[in-house]
């Protein structure tokens, strides 16, 4: 997962976070701009990779990834920032 993150964003994920999402975060209320076609593909790829990681044992991120996966068709900038946080 880290390799794909570096390929997409040109840097390693931040190590400054302590949880997959912020406490009280509501991605369904996000009003940031919609992602373009290329960024949407990156978002979808990151969601798919995270779902695979869940299937091999990272059950602790399952709820967060399933919540974010509901925005695969039309993700917003804030959703991309959230999946980047999960990768961290």
N, C-alpha and C. Protein backbone atom coordinates (compact mmCIF):
# COMPACT_ATOMS: atom_id res chain seq x y z
N UNK A 1 0.81 -1.19 0.00
CA UNK A 1 0.00 0.00 0.00
C UNK A 1 0.86 1.26 0.00
N UNK A 2 1.95 1.23 0.73
CA UNK A 2 2.81 2.41 0.79
C UNK A 2 3.39 2.72 -0.59
N UNK A 3 3.75 1.67 -1.34
CA UNK A 3 4.31 1.89 -2.67
C UNK A 3 3.32 2.58 -3.58
N UNK A 4 2.06 2.16 -3.54
CA UNK A 4 1.05 2.80 -4.39
C UNK A 4 0.79 4.23 -3.94
N UNK A 5 0.84 4.49 -2.64
CA UNK A 5 0.67 5.84 -2.13
C UNK A 5 1.78 6.75 -2.68
N UNK A 6 3.01 6.26 -2.60
CA UNK A 6 4.14 7.05 -3.10
C UNK A 6 4.01 7.29 -4.60
N UNK A 7 3.56 6.28 -5.34
CA UNK A 7 3.38 6.43 -6.79
C UNK A 7 2.30 7.47 -7.10
N UNK A 8 1.22 7.50 -6.33
CA UNK A 8 0.12 8.44 -6.58
C UNK A 8 0.47 9.87 -6.16
N UNK A 9 1.14 10.02 -5.00
CA UNK A 9 1.30 11.35 -4.41
C UNK A 9 2.75 11.82 -4.30
N UNK A 10 3.72 10.96 -4.64
CA UNK A 10 5.11 11.37 -4.64
C UNK A 10 5.76 11.51 -3.27
N UNK A 11 5.10 11.02 -2.23
CA UNK A 11 5.65 11.07 -0.88
C UNK A 11 5.08 9.93 -0.05
N UNK A 12 5.74 9.61 1.04
CA UNK A 12 5.24 8.57 1.93
C UNK A 12 4.10 9.13 2.78
N UNK A 13 3.19 8.25 3.25
CA UNK A 13 2.10 8.73 4.10
C UNK A 13 2.64 9.32 5.41
N UNK A 14 1.92 10.25 5.95
CA UNK A 14 2.29 10.88 7.22
C UNK A 14 2.21 9.86 8.34
N UNK A 15 3.09 9.98 9.30
CA UNK A 15 3.08 9.11 10.48
C UNK A 15 2.56 9.85 11.71
N UNK A 16 1.97 11.02 11.51
CA UNK A 16 1.54 11.85 12.63
C UNK A 16 0.12 11.56 13.10
N UNK A 17 -0.59 10.64 12.49
CA UNK A 17 -1.97 10.36 12.90
C UNK A 17 -2.00 9.14 13.82
N UNK A 18 -3.01 9.11 14.70
CA UNK A 18 -3.12 8.00 15.64
C UNK A 18 -4.37 7.15 15.42
N UNK A 19 -5.26 7.60 14.53
CA UNK A 19 -6.46 6.83 14.23
C UNK A 19 -6.80 6.99 12.76
N UNK A 20 -7.53 6.02 12.18
CA UNK A 20 -7.85 6.11 10.75
C UNK A 20 -8.62 7.36 10.35
N UNK A 21 -9.59 7.75 11.14
CA UNK A 21 -10.35 8.98 10.88
C UNK A 21 -10.45 9.77 12.18
N UNK A 22 -10.71 11.05 12.06
CA UNK A 22 -10.85 11.89 13.24
C UNK A 22 -12.13 11.53 13.99
N UNK A 23 -12.10 11.65 15.29
CA UNK A 23 -13.29 11.38 16.10
C UNK A 23 -14.41 12.34 15.72
N UNK A 24 -15.60 11.81 15.51
CA UNK A 24 -16.75 12.63 15.14
C UNK A 24 -16.78 13.05 13.69
N UNK A 25 -15.94 12.46 12.85
CA UNK A 25 -15.90 12.82 11.43
C UNK A 25 -17.12 12.28 10.71
N UNK A 26 -17.70 13.06 9.81
CA UNK A 26 -18.87 12.65 9.04
C UNK A 26 -18.61 12.88 7.56
N UNK A 27 -18.03 11.88 6.84
CA UNK A 27 -17.72 12.07 5.41
C UNK A 27 -18.94 12.37 4.56
N UNK A 28 -20.11 11.96 5.00
CA UNK A 28 -21.32 12.20 4.21
C UNK A 28 -21.69 13.68 4.18
N UNK A 29 -21.14 14.48 5.08
CA UNK A 29 -21.42 15.91 5.12
C UNK A 29 -20.38 16.75 4.39
N UNK A 30 -19.44 16.11 3.75
CA UNK A 30 -18.35 16.80 3.05
C UNK A 30 -18.91 17.64 1.90
N UNK A 31 -18.47 18.88 1.82
CA UNK A 31 -18.93 19.78 0.74
C UNK A 31 -17.77 20.30 -0.11
N UNK A 32 -16.60 19.66 0.00
CA UNK A 32 -15.46 20.09 -0.82
C UNK A 32 -15.74 19.77 -2.29
N UNK A 33 -14.86 20.25 -3.19
CA UNK A 33 -15.10 20.05 -4.62
C UNK A 33 -14.97 18.57 -5.00
N UNK A 34 -15.69 18.19 -6.06
CA UNK A 34 -15.61 16.84 -6.58
C UNK A 34 -14.25 16.62 -7.23
N UNK A 35 -13.78 15.38 -7.20
CA UNK A 35 -12.51 15.04 -7.82
C UNK A 35 -12.68 14.92 -9.33
N UNK A 36 -11.60 15.15 -10.05
CA UNK A 36 -11.59 14.93 -11.49
C UNK A 36 -11.48 13.44 -11.80
N UNK A 37 -11.48 13.11 -13.07
CA UNK A 37 -11.47 11.71 -13.50
C UNK A 37 -10.23 10.98 -12.99
N UNK A 38 -9.06 11.57 -13.16
CA UNK A 38 -7.82 10.90 -12.73
C UNK A 38 -7.76 10.71 -11.23
N UNK A 39 -8.14 11.74 -10.48
CA UNK A 39 -8.13 11.62 -9.02
C UNK A 39 -9.18 10.63 -8.53
N UNK A 40 -10.32 10.55 -9.23
CA UNK A 40 -11.34 9.57 -8.87
C UNK A 40 -10.80 8.16 -9.04
N UNK A 41 -10.05 7.93 -10.10
CA UNK A 41 -9.45 6.61 -10.30
C UNK A 41 -8.45 6.28 -9.20
N UNK A 42 -7.67 7.25 -8.78
CA UNK A 42 -6.74 7.05 -7.68
C UNK A 42 -7.52 6.70 -6.41
N UNK A 43 -8.58 7.45 -6.12
CA UNK A 43 -9.41 7.18 -4.94
C UNK A 43 -9.97 5.76 -4.99
N UNK A 44 -10.51 5.38 -6.14
CA UNK A 44 -11.08 4.04 -6.28
C UNK A 44 -10.02 2.96 -6.10
N UNK A 45 -8.83 3.19 -6.62
CA UNK A 45 -7.74 2.24 -6.46
C UNK A 45 -7.33 2.11 -5.00
N UNK A 46 -7.26 3.24 -4.31
CA UNK A 46 -6.89 3.21 -2.89
C UNK A 46 -7.95 2.49 -2.06
N UNK A 47 -9.22 2.69 -2.37
CA UNK A 47 -10.29 1.99 -1.67
C UNK A 47 -10.17 0.49 -1.92
N UNK A 48 -9.96 0.09 -3.17
CA UNK A 48 -9.82 -1.33 -3.50
C UNK A 48 -8.65 -1.98 -2.78
N UNK A 49 -7.52 -1.29 -2.72
CA UNK A 49 -6.35 -1.82 -2.01
C UNK A 49 -6.65 -1.97 -0.52
N UNK A 50 -7.31 -0.99 0.04
CA UNK A 50 -7.65 -1.05 1.46
C UNK A 50 -8.64 -2.19 1.75
N UNK A 51 -9.57 -2.44 0.85
CA UNK A 51 -10.51 -3.55 1.03
C UNK A 51 -9.76 -4.88 1.00
N UNK A 52 -8.76 -4.99 0.17
CA UNK A 52 -7.95 -6.20 0.12
C UNK A 52 -7.19 -6.37 1.44
N UNK A 53 -6.64 -5.28 1.97
CA UNK A 53 -5.92 -5.34 3.25
C UNK A 53 -6.85 -5.79 4.38
N UNK A 54 -8.09 -5.35 4.35
CA UNK A 54 -9.06 -5.80 5.35
C UNK A 54 -9.25 -7.30 5.26
N UNK A 55 -9.34 -7.81 4.04
CA UNK A 55 -9.60 -9.25 3.86
C UNK A 55 -8.44 -10.12 4.35
N UNK A 56 -7.23 -9.54 4.45
CA UNK A 56 -6.11 -10.34 4.95
C UNK A 56 -5.80 -10.06 6.42
N UNK A 57 -6.66 -9.29 7.08
CA UNK A 57 -6.51 -9.19 8.52
C UNK A 57 -6.58 -7.84 9.18
N UNK A 58 -6.65 -6.75 8.47
CA UNK A 58 -6.72 -5.42 9.12
C UNK A 58 -8.17 -5.03 9.37
N UNK A 59 -8.82 -5.77 10.25
CA UNK A 59 -10.24 -5.56 10.52
C UNK A 59 -10.51 -4.23 11.23
N UNK A 60 -9.48 -3.66 11.84
CA UNK A 60 -9.65 -2.42 12.58
C UNK A 60 -9.99 -1.22 11.68
N UNK A 61 -9.74 -1.31 10.40
CA UNK A 61 -10.06 -0.20 9.50
C UNK A 61 -11.30 -0.47 8.65
N UNK A 62 -11.95 -1.60 8.89
CA UNK A 62 -13.08 -2.02 8.04
C UNK A 62 -14.21 -1.00 7.99
N UNK A 63 -14.65 -0.51 9.13
CA UNK A 63 -15.77 0.43 9.16
C UNK A 63 -15.41 1.71 8.41
N UNK A 64 -14.21 2.19 8.60
CA UNK A 64 -13.79 3.43 7.95
C UNK A 64 -13.73 3.26 6.43
N UNK A 65 -13.18 2.15 5.98
CA UNK A 65 -13.07 1.91 4.54
C UNK A 65 -14.44 1.68 3.91
N UNK A 66 -15.29 0.94 4.58
CA UNK A 66 -16.62 0.71 4.03
C UNK A 66 -17.41 2.02 3.95
N UNK A 67 -17.23 2.89 4.94
CA UNK A 67 -17.89 4.20 4.89
C UNK A 67 -17.39 5.00 3.69
N UNK A 68 -16.07 5.06 3.53
CA UNK A 68 -15.49 5.82 2.41
C UNK A 68 -15.78 5.18 1.06
N UNK A 69 -15.96 3.86 1.03
CA UNK A 69 -16.21 3.20 -0.25
C UNK A 69 -17.58 3.57 -0.82
N UNK A 70 -18.47 4.06 0.03
CA UNK A 70 -19.79 4.45 -0.48
C UNK A 70 -19.71 5.70 -1.36
N UNK A 71 -18.55 6.36 -1.40
CA UNK A 71 -18.37 7.56 -2.22
C UNK A 71 -17.52 7.29 -3.46
N UNK A 72 -17.37 6.03 -3.85
CA UNK A 72 -16.51 5.68 -4.99
C UNK A 72 -16.95 6.30 -6.30
N UNK A 73 -18.24 6.42 -6.52
CA UNK A 73 -18.74 6.92 -7.81
C UNK A 73 -18.44 8.40 -8.01
N UNK A 74 -18.54 9.20 -6.95
CA UNK A 74 -18.30 10.64 -7.06
C UNK A 74 -17.65 11.17 -5.78
N UNK A 75 -16.38 10.83 -5.58
CA UNK A 75 -15.71 11.29 -4.35
C UNK A 75 -15.37 12.78 -4.41
N UNK A 76 -15.22 13.33 -3.25
CA UNK A 76 -14.84 14.74 -3.12
C UNK A 76 -13.41 14.83 -2.60
N UNK A 77 -12.85 16.01 -2.65
CA UNK A 77 -11.48 16.23 -2.17
C UNK A 77 -11.32 15.77 -0.72
N UNK A 78 -12.29 16.04 0.12
CA UNK A 78 -12.23 15.63 1.52
C UNK A 78 -12.20 14.13 1.69
N UNK A 79 -12.88 13.40 0.80
CA UNK A 79 -12.85 11.93 0.87
C UNK A 79 -11.46 11.41 0.53
N UNK A 80 -10.82 12.02 -0.46
CA UNK A 80 -9.45 11.63 -0.80
C UNK A 80 -8.51 11.90 0.37
N UNK A 81 -8.68 13.04 1.03
CA UNK A 81 -7.86 13.35 2.19
C UNK A 81 -8.07 12.32 3.30
N UNK A 82 -9.31 11.87 3.46
CA UNK A 82 -9.60 10.87 4.49
C UNK A 82 -8.95 9.52 4.18
N UNK A 83 -9.01 9.07 2.94
CA UNK A 83 -8.39 7.78 2.61
C UNK A 83 -6.88 7.89 2.74
N UNK A 84 -6.32 9.06 2.44
CA UNK A 84 -4.90 9.27 2.65
C UNK A 84 -4.56 9.16 4.14
N UNK A 85 -5.43 9.64 4.99
CA UNK A 85 -5.22 9.53 6.44
C UNK A 85 -5.26 8.07 6.88
N UNK A 86 -6.17 7.29 6.32
CA UNK A 86 -6.25 5.86 6.67
C UNK A 86 -4.95 5.16 6.29
N UNK A 87 -4.39 5.50 5.14
CA UNK A 87 -3.13 4.91 4.72
C UNK A 87 -1.99 5.25 5.68
N UNK A 88 -2.08 6.42 6.31
CA UNK A 88 -1.02 6.84 7.22
C UNK A 88 -1.01 5.94 8.43
